[in-house]
Amino acid sequence: MNEGVEIASDVATGPGSAITRQVSNGLLIRSAVLTLLAGTGFSASDARP
């Protein structure tokens, strides 16, 4: 996310914003999928920050 370019900073960090959480969750999901595709024995507990 490019604050000030793609979205206004006050909107991105406002009290009703879920953007940061969505970005974090997206990273975890992509990592899990890549791990599964690589066949390295992923388990759900490995994905928790």
C-alpha atoms as a PDB file:
ATOM      1  CA  MET A   1       0.000   0.000   0.000  1.00  0.00           C
ATOM      2  CA  ASN A   2       1.379   3.375  -0.989  1.00  0.00           C
ATOM      3  CA  GLU A   3      -0.055   5.903   1.422  1.00  0.00           C
ATOM      4  CA  GLY A   4      -0.485   9.274  -0.195  1.00  0.00           C
ATOM      5  CA  VAL A   5      -0.325   7.736  -3.700  1.00  0.00           C
ATOM      6  CA  GLU A   6      -2.898   4.926  -3.872  1.00  0.00           C
ATOM      7  CA  ILE A   7      -4.870   6.023  -0.823  1.00  0.00           C
ATOM      8  CA  ALA A   8      -4.877   9.062   1.448  1.00  0.00           C
ATOM      9  CA  SER A   9      -2.870   8.537   4.636  1.00  0.00           C
ATOM     10  CA  ASP A  10      -5.723   9.578   6.916  1.00  0.00           C
ATOM     11  CA  VAL A  11      -8.048   7.056   5.245  1.00  0.00           C
ATOM     12  CA  ALA A  12      -5.469   4.238   5.415  1.00  0.00           C
ATOM     13  CA  THR A  13      -4.742   4.728   9.111  1.00  0.00           C
ATOM     14  CA  GLY A  14      -8.175   5.925  10.257  1.00  0.00           C
ATOM     15  CA  PRO A  15     -10.087   4.212  13.075  1.00  0.00           C
ATOM     16  CA  GLY A  16     -12.390   2.352  10.663  1.00  0.00           C
ATOM     17  CA  SER A  17      -9.617   1.130   8.388  1.00  0.00           C
ATOM     18  CA  ALA A  18      -8.953  -2.606   8.047  1.00  0.00           C
ATOM     19  CA  ILE A  19      -6.237  -2.208   5.411  1.00  0.00           C
ATOM     20  CA  THR A  20      -3.240  -3.045   7.606  1.00  0.00           C
ATOM     21  CA  ARG A  21      -4.929  -6.186   8.946  1.00  0.00           C
ATOM     22  CA  GLN A  22      -5.949  -7.244   5.437  1.00  0.00           C
ATOM     23  CA  VAL A  23      -2.406  -6.771   4.138  1.00  0.00           C
ATOM     24  CA  SER A  24      -0.990  -8.851   7.027  1.00  0.00           C
ATOM     25  CA  ASN A  25      -3.526 -11.632   6.503  1.00  0.00           C
ATOM     26  CA  GLY A  26      -2.848 -11.639   2.765  1.00  0.00           C
ATOM     27  CA  LEU A  27       0.864 -12.126   3.395  1.00  0.00           C
ATOM     28  CA  LEU A  28       0.178 -15.094   5.689  1.00  0.00           C
ATOM     29  CA  ILE A  29      -2.143 -16.693   3.134  1.00  0.00           C
ATOM     30  CA  ARG A  30       0.336 -16.256   0.270  1.00  0.00           C
ATOM     31  CA  SER A  31       3.127 -17.709   2.399  1.00  0.00           C
ATOM     32  CA  ALA A  32       0.983 -20.703   3.342  1.00  0.00           C
ATOM     33  CA  VAL A  33       0.026 -21.404  -0.270  1.00  0.00           C
ATOM     34  CA  LEU A  34       3.629 -21.161  -1.461  1.00  0.00           C
ATOM     35  CA  THR A  35       4.748 -23.481   1.332  1.00  0.00           C
ATOM     36  CA  LEU A  36       2.074 -26.027   0.437  1.00  0.00           C
ATOM     37  CA  LEU A  37       3.023 -25.846  -3.243  1.00  0.00           C
ATOM     38  CA  ALA A  38       6.680 -26.324  -2.360  1.00  0.00           C
ATOM     39  CA  GLY A  39       5.754 -29.439  -0.342  1.00  0.00           C
ATOM     40  CA  THR A  40       7.705 -28.505   2.768  1.00  0.00           C
ATOM     41  CA  GLY A  41       5.234 -29.888   5.318  1.00  0.00           C
ATOM     42  CA  PHE A  42       3.335 -26.758   6.295  1.00  0.00           C
ATOM     43  CA  SER A  43       1.164 -26.828   9.401  1.00  0.00           C
ATOM     44  CA  ALA A  44      -1.354 -24.203  10.504  1.00  0.00           C
ATOM     45  CA  SER A  45       0.662 -23.315  13.620  1.00  0.00           C
ATOM     46  CA  ASP A  46       3.595 -22.296  11.402  1.00  0.00           C
ATOM     47  CA  ALA A  47       1.549 -19.424   9.904  1.00  0.00           C
ATOM     48  CA  ARG A  48       0.913 -17.542  13.131  1.00  0.00           C
ATOM     49  CA  PRO A  49       3.042 -14.426  13.667  1.00  0.00           C
END
